[in-house]
N, C-alpha and C. Protein backbone atom coordinates (compact mmCIF):
# COMPACT_ATOMS: atom_id res chain seq x y z
N UNK A 1 0.80 -1.20 0.02
CA UNK A 1 0.06 -0.05 0.01
C UNK A 1 0.75 1.26 0.03
N UNK A 2 1.89 1.23 0.69
CA UNK A 2 2.78 2.51 0.73
C UNK A 2 3.27 2.93 -0.60
N UNK A 3 3.49 1.92 -1.58
CA UNK A 3 3.91 2.38 -2.97
C UNK A 3 2.85 3.15 -3.65
N UNK A 4 1.56 2.81 -3.38
CA UNK A 4 0.45 3.73 -4.01
C UNK A 4 0.47 5.10 -3.40
N UNK A 5 0.60 5.08 -2.07
CA UNK A 5 0.67 6.63 -1.43
C UNK A 5 1.84 7.28 -1.89
N UNK A 6 3.20 6.60 -1.94
CA UNK A 6 4.18 7.39 -2.43
C UNK A 6 4.16 7.85 -3.84
N UNK A 7 3.55 6.93 -4.66
CA UNK A 7 3.34 7.49 -6.07
C UNK A 7 2.38 8.64 -6.23
N UNK A 8 1.37 8.55 -5.33
CA UNK A 8 0.40 9.68 -5.23
C UNK A 8 1.08 10.90 -4.80
N UNK A 9 1.85 10.88 -3.78
CA UNK A 9 2.63 12.12 -3.37
C UNK A 9 3.57 12.64 -4.37
N UNK A 10 4.33 11.68 -5.13
CA UNK A 10 5.17 12.12 -6.10
C UNK A 10 4.34 12.72 -7.25
N UNK A 11 3.26 12.14 -7.66
CA UNK A 11 2.52 12.82 -8.72
C UNK A 11 2.07 14.20 -8.31
N UNK A 12 1.42 14.34 -7.07
CA UNK A 12 0.97 15.57 -6.55
C UNK A 12 2.11 16.67 -6.53
N UNK A 13 3.27 16.35 -6.31
CA UNK A 13 4.44 17.19 -6.21
C UNK A 13 4.82 17.67 -7.67
N UNK A 14 4.69 16.83 -8.58
CA UNK A 14 5.08 17.06 -10.00
C UNK A 14 4.00 18.02 -10.55
N UNK A 15 2.70 17.73 -10.22
CA UNK A 15 1.52 18.61 -10.71
C UNK A 15 1.64 20.00 -10.19
N UNK A 16 2.15 20.03 -8.88
CA UNK A 16 2.30 21.41 -8.16
C UNK A 16 3.42 22.18 -8.84
N UNK A 17 4.46 21.38 -9.43
CA UNK A 17 5.54 22.17 -10.09
C UNK A 17 5.13 22.38 -11.70
N UNK A 18 3.89 22.09 -12.03
CA UNK A 18 3.43 22.37 -13.29
C UNK A 18 3.59 21.27 -14.31
N UNK A 19 4.09 20.12 -13.87
CA UNK A 19 4.13 19.00 -14.81
C UNK A 19 2.83 18.52 -15.28
N UNK A 20 2.71 18.34 -16.61
CA UNK A 20 1.43 17.96 -17.26
C UNK A 20 0.66 19.11 -17.66
N UNK A 21 1.15 20.32 -17.43
CA UNK A 21 0.32 21.48 -17.89
C UNK A 21 0.71 21.74 -19.37
N UNK A 22 0.07 22.70 -19.99
CA UNK A 22 0.50 23.08 -21.36
C UNK A 22 1.90 23.44 -21.57
N UNK A 23 2.52 24.15 -20.60
CA UNK A 23 3.70 24.58 -20.68
C UNK A 23 4.79 23.47 -20.38
N UNK A 24 4.40 22.38 -19.53
CA UNK A 24 5.21 21.37 -19.20
C UNK A 24 4.54 19.97 -19.59
N UNK A 25 4.03 19.90 -20.77
CA UNK A 25 3.39 18.69 -21.26
C UNK A 25 4.25 17.45 -21.06
N UNK A 26 3.61 16.35 -20.68
CA UNK A 26 4.27 15.04 -20.62
C UNK A 26 4.12 14.32 -21.94
N UNK A 27 5.21 14.02 -22.66
CA UNK A 27 5.09 13.39 -24.07
C UNK A 27 4.41 12.04 -23.85
N UNK A 28 3.51 11.63 -24.80
CA UNK A 28 2.90 10.32 -24.78
C UNK A 28 4.00 9.33 -25.29
N UNK A 29 4.23 8.36 -24.51
CA UNK A 29 5.20 7.36 -24.97
C UNK A 29 6.64 7.99 -25.32
N UNK A 30 6.91 9.07 -24.58
CA UNK A 30 8.16 9.75 -24.78
C UNK A 30 8.37 10.25 -26.33
N UNK A 31 7.29 10.45 -26.94
CA UNK A 31 7.40 10.96 -28.33
C UNK A 31 7.81 12.36 -28.28
N UNK A 32 8.83 12.64 -29.13
CA UNK A 32 9.38 14.10 -29.20
C UNK A 32 8.81 14.62 -30.62
N UNK A 33 7.95 15.65 -30.45
CA UNK A 33 7.19 16.25 -31.52
C UNK A 33 8.20 16.78 -32.52
N UNK A 34 9.12 17.52 -32.10
CA UNK A 34 10.08 18.19 -33.16
C UNK A 34 10.93 17.05 -33.82
N UNK A 35 11.28 16.03 -33.15
CA UNK A 35 12.06 14.94 -33.79
C UNK A 35 11.13 14.18 -34.79
N UNK A 36 9.86 13.91 -34.45
CA UNK A 36 9.02 13.35 -35.31
C UNK A 36 8.62 14.19 -36.62
N UNK A 37 8.50 15.44 -36.33
CA UNK A 37 8.20 16.47 -37.42
C UNK A 37 9.39 16.43 -38.33
N UNK A 38 10.65 16.59 -37.80
CA UNK A 38 11.86 16.56 -38.67
C UNK A 38 11.95 15.32 -39.56
N UNK A 39 11.70 14.31 -38.99
CA UNK A 39 11.87 12.93 -39.61
C UNK A 39 10.81 12.88 -40.88
N UNK A 40 9.59 13.35 -40.55
CA UNK A 40 8.63 13.48 -41.54
C UNK A 40 9.03 14.33 -42.77
N UNK A 41 9.61 15.52 -42.44
CA UNK A 41 9.98 16.45 -43.36
C UNK A 41 11.23 15.96 -44.23
N UNK A 42 12.02 15.25 -43.49
CA UNK A 42 13.21 14.67 -44.18
C UNK A 42 12.93 13.56 -45.21
N UNK A 43 11.96 12.70 -44.64
CA UNK A 43 11.64 11.58 -45.60
C UNK A 43 10.37 11.82 -46.46
N UNK A 44 9.67 12.83 -46.21
CA UNK A 44 8.63 13.19 -47.12
C UNK A 44 7.39 12.20 -46.81
N UNK A 45 7.41 11.60 -45.73
CA UNK A 45 6.37 10.75 -45.41
C UNK A 45 5.39 11.37 -44.22
N UNK A 46 4.14 11.02 -44.40
CA UNK A 46 3.21 11.53 -43.36
C UNK A 46 3.28 10.71 -42.17
N UNK A 47 3.03 11.45 -40.99
CA UNK A 47 3.20 10.65 -39.67
C UNK A 47 1.98 9.58 -39.56
N UNK A 48 2.40 8.41 -39.12
CA UNK A 48 1.53 7.44 -38.77
C UNK A 48 1.76 6.98 -37.31
N UNK A 49 0.83 7.06 -36.46
CA UNK A 49 1.10 6.81 -34.93
C UNK A 49 0.86 5.32 -34.74
N UNK A 50 1.92 4.55 -34.55
CA UNK A 50 1.82 3.08 -34.29
C UNK A 50 0.97 2.70 -33.20
N UNK A 51 0.64 3.57 -32.23
CA UNK A 51 -0.24 3.26 -31.08
C UNK A 51 -1.69 3.59 -31.37
N UNK A 52 -2.08 4.22 -32.51
CA UNK A 52 -3.37 4.70 -32.88
C UNK A 52 -3.51 4.59 -34.34
N UNK A 53 -3.51 3.27 -34.90
CA UNK A 53 -3.64 3.03 -36.24
C UNK A 53 -4.96 3.47 -36.88
N UNK A 54 -4.98 3.63 -38.06
CA UNK A 54 -6.18 3.99 -38.81
C UNK A 54 -6.94 2.57 -39.24
N UNK A 55 -7.48 2.03 -38.10
CA UNK A 55 -8.09 0.69 -38.31
C UNK A 55 -9.44 0.68 -37.59
N UNK A 56 -10.29 -0.09 -37.84
CA UNK A 56 -11.64 -0.14 -36.99
C UNK A 56 -11.45 -0.22 -35.56
N UNK A 57 -10.51 -1.07 -35.01
CA UNK A 57 -10.44 -1.12 -33.49
C UNK A 57 -10.10 0.27 -32.90
N UNK A 58 -9.56 1.14 -33.58
CA UNK A 58 -9.16 2.39 -33.03
C UNK A 58 -10.41 3.33 -32.75
N UNK A 59 -11.50 2.95 -33.37
CA UNK A 59 -12.73 3.79 -33.27
C UNK A 59 -13.42 3.56 -31.85
N UNK A 60 -13.36 2.31 -31.29
CA UNK A 60 -14.00 2.22 -29.94
C UNK A 60 -14.41 0.74 -29.89
N UNK A 61 -15.38 0.53 -28.97
CA UNK A 61 -15.99 -0.75 -28.82
C UNK A 61 -17.39 -0.58 -28.52
N UNK A 62 -18.16 -1.77 -28.35
CA UNK A 62 -19.66 -1.82 -28.29
C UNK A 62 -20.26 -1.10 -29.58
N UNK A 63 -20.94 -0.03 -29.37
CA UNK A 63 -21.62 0.58 -30.53
C UNK A 63 -20.54 1.06 -31.69
N UNK A 64 -19.37 1.22 -31.28
CA UNK A 64 -18.34 1.62 -32.25
C UNK A 64 -17.29 0.63 -32.50
N UNK A 65 -17.86 -0.66 -32.25
CA UNK A 65 -16.80 -1.72 -32.49
C UNK A 65 -16.53 -1.89 -33.97
N UNK A 66 -15.49 -2.64 -34.32
CA UNK A 66 -15.22 -2.90 -35.74
C UNK A 66 -16.39 -3.52 -36.33
N UNK A 67 -16.71 -3.00 -37.51
CA UNK A 67 -17.81 -3.47 -38.38
C UNK A 67 -19.18 -3.37 -37.75
N UNK A 68 -19.30 -2.59 -36.61
CA UNK A 68 -20.72 -2.25 -36.12
C UNK A 68 -21.47 -1.38 -37.29
N UNK A 69 -22.80 -1.42 -37.02
CA UNK A 69 -23.51 -0.55 -37.94
C UNK A 69 -23.07 0.96 -37.96
N UNK A 70 -22.54 1.48 -36.93
CA UNK A 70 -22.11 2.97 -36.86
C UNK A 70 -20.76 3.13 -37.49
N UNK A 71 -20.00 2.06 -37.68
CA UNK A 71 -18.60 2.08 -38.14
C UNK A 71 -18.31 1.37 -39.52
N UNK A 72 -19.35 0.64 -39.89
CA UNK A 72 -19.13 -0.33 -41.15
C UNK A 72 -18.64 0.45 -42.24
N UNK A 73 -19.15 1.68 -42.64
CA UNK A 73 -18.72 2.43 -43.77
C UNK A 73 -17.69 3.40 -43.61
N UNK A 74 -17.08 3.38 -42.42
CA UNK A 74 -16.00 4.41 -42.17
C UNK A 74 -14.83 4.33 -43.09
N UNK A 75 -14.51 5.48 -43.74
CA UNK A 75 -13.44 5.49 -44.73
C UNK A 75 -12.27 6.45 -44.05
N UNK A 76 -11.01 5.86 -43.80
CA UNK A 76 -10.00 6.62 -43.18
C UNK A 76 -9.38 7.57 -44.24
N UNK A 77 -9.32 8.89 -43.96
CA UNK A 77 -8.78 9.87 -44.94
C UNK A 77 -7.96 10.83 -44.32
N UNK A 78 -6.93 11.48 -45.04
CA UNK A 78 -6.13 12.51 -44.61
C UNK A 78 -6.87 13.74 -44.93
N UNK A 79 -6.66 14.90 -44.13
CA UNK A 79 -7.31 16.18 -44.33
C UNK A 79 -7.16 16.65 -45.82
N UNK A 80 -5.92 16.36 -46.39
CA UNK A 80 -5.82 16.79 -47.82
C UNK A 80 -6.69 16.07 -48.90
N UNK A 81 -7.20 14.91 -48.35
CA UNK A 81 -8.13 14.08 -49.20
C UNK A 81 -9.53 14.66 -49.12
N UNK A 82 -9.77 15.68 -48.05
CA UNK A 82 -11.08 16.17 -48.07
C UNK A 82 -11.19 17.70 -48.57
N UNK A 83 -10.07 18.30 -48.58
CA UNK A 83 -10.08 19.65 -49.12
C UNK A 83 -8.71 20.07 -49.53
N UNK A 84 -8.56 20.97 -50.39
CA UNK A 84 -7.38 21.39 -50.92
C UNK A 84 -6.48 22.23 -50.01
N UNK A 85 -7.24 22.94 -48.93
CA UNK A 85 -6.64 23.81 -48.05
C UNK A 85 -7.15 23.53 -46.56
N UNK A 86 -6.63 22.33 -46.00
CA UNK A 86 -7.01 21.97 -44.82
C UNK A 86 -6.57 22.98 -43.64
N UNK A 87 -7.28 23.34 -42.71
CA UNK A 87 -6.85 24.16 -41.62
C UNK A 87 -7.27 23.58 -40.39
N UNK A 88 -6.41 23.50 -39.36
CA UNK A 88 -6.72 22.82 -38.12
C UNK A 88 -7.73 23.66 -37.30
N UNK A 89 -7.55 24.96 -37.20
CA UNK A 89 -8.45 25.69 -36.52
C UNK A 89 -8.83 27.03 -37.28
N UNK A 90 -10.08 27.20 -37.52
CA UNK A 90 -10.40 28.31 -38.34
C UNK A 90 -11.46 29.35 -37.56
N UNK A 91 -11.06 30.49 -37.41
CA UNK A 91 -11.97 31.43 -36.63
C UNK A 91 -11.86 31.25 -35.20
N UNK A 92 -10.91 30.74 -34.68
CA UNK A 92 -10.69 30.48 -33.21
C UNK A 92 -11.41 29.26 -32.64
N UNK A 93 -11.11 28.98 -31.36
CA UNK A 93 -11.54 27.75 -30.83
C UNK A 93 -12.10 28.14 -29.44
N UNK A 94 -12.99 27.28 -28.98
CA UNK A 94 -13.39 27.36 -27.56
C UNK A 94 -13.42 26.00 -26.96
N UNK A 95 -13.51 25.94 -25.63
CA UNK A 95 -13.23 24.67 -24.95
C UNK A 95 -14.38 23.66 -25.31
N UNK A 96 -15.50 24.16 -25.71
CA UNK A 96 -16.69 23.20 -26.11
C UNK A 96 -16.67 22.87 -27.61
N UNK A 97 -15.80 23.19 -28.39
CA UNK A 97 -15.82 22.97 -29.80
C UNK A 97 -15.60 21.40 -29.98
N UNK A 98 -14.78 20.75 -29.23
CA UNK A 98 -14.54 19.32 -29.40
C UNK A 98 -14.61 18.79 -27.93
N UNK A 99 -15.55 17.83 -27.74
CA UNK A 99 -15.68 17.09 -26.52
C UNK A 99 -15.47 15.68 -26.80
N UNK A 100 -14.98 14.94 -25.73
CA UNK A 100 -14.75 13.47 -25.95
C UNK A 100 -16.09 12.95 -26.41
N UNK A 101 -15.89 12.19 -27.50
CA UNK A 101 -17.16 11.45 -28.03
C UNK A 101 -18.10 12.24 -28.86
N UNK A 102 -17.90 13.47 -29.04
CA UNK A 102 -18.87 14.33 -29.67
C UNK A 102 -18.21 15.43 -30.24
N UNK A 103 -18.74 16.07 -31.35
CA UNK A 103 -18.23 17.40 -31.83
C UNK A 103 -19.02 18.50 -31.26
N UNK A 104 -18.40 19.62 -30.87
CA UNK A 104 -19.17 20.63 -30.45
C UNK A 104 -19.97 21.56 -31.60
N UNK A 105 -20.57 22.56 -31.16
CA UNK A 105 -21.15 23.45 -32.27
C UNK A 105 -20.05 24.04 -33.19
N UNK A 106 -20.29 24.19 -34.41
CA UNK A 106 -19.37 24.67 -35.33
C UNK A 106 -20.04 25.60 -36.37
């Protein structure tokens, strides 16, 4: 049990120091954005996340399970396949624009 308490105290201290905030983000699986970006630029390849593949299981489970009625006709596409001028954010963003599991008002 003391390991759990020790870990909780250590986590609390790191959070108090700002760890995990926007300014001190914790990289997922130690991924280095700049290194990944540079590699993609040098090789001319688009980034593919090996832990989140463009495959049906990445969509979810139960109602969103692979080949369920809601996901059966899903087609994986890159932004440039949808429009000639893709833009990540257009006209500003609010905290409610994207919520887990649903899109906000747009």
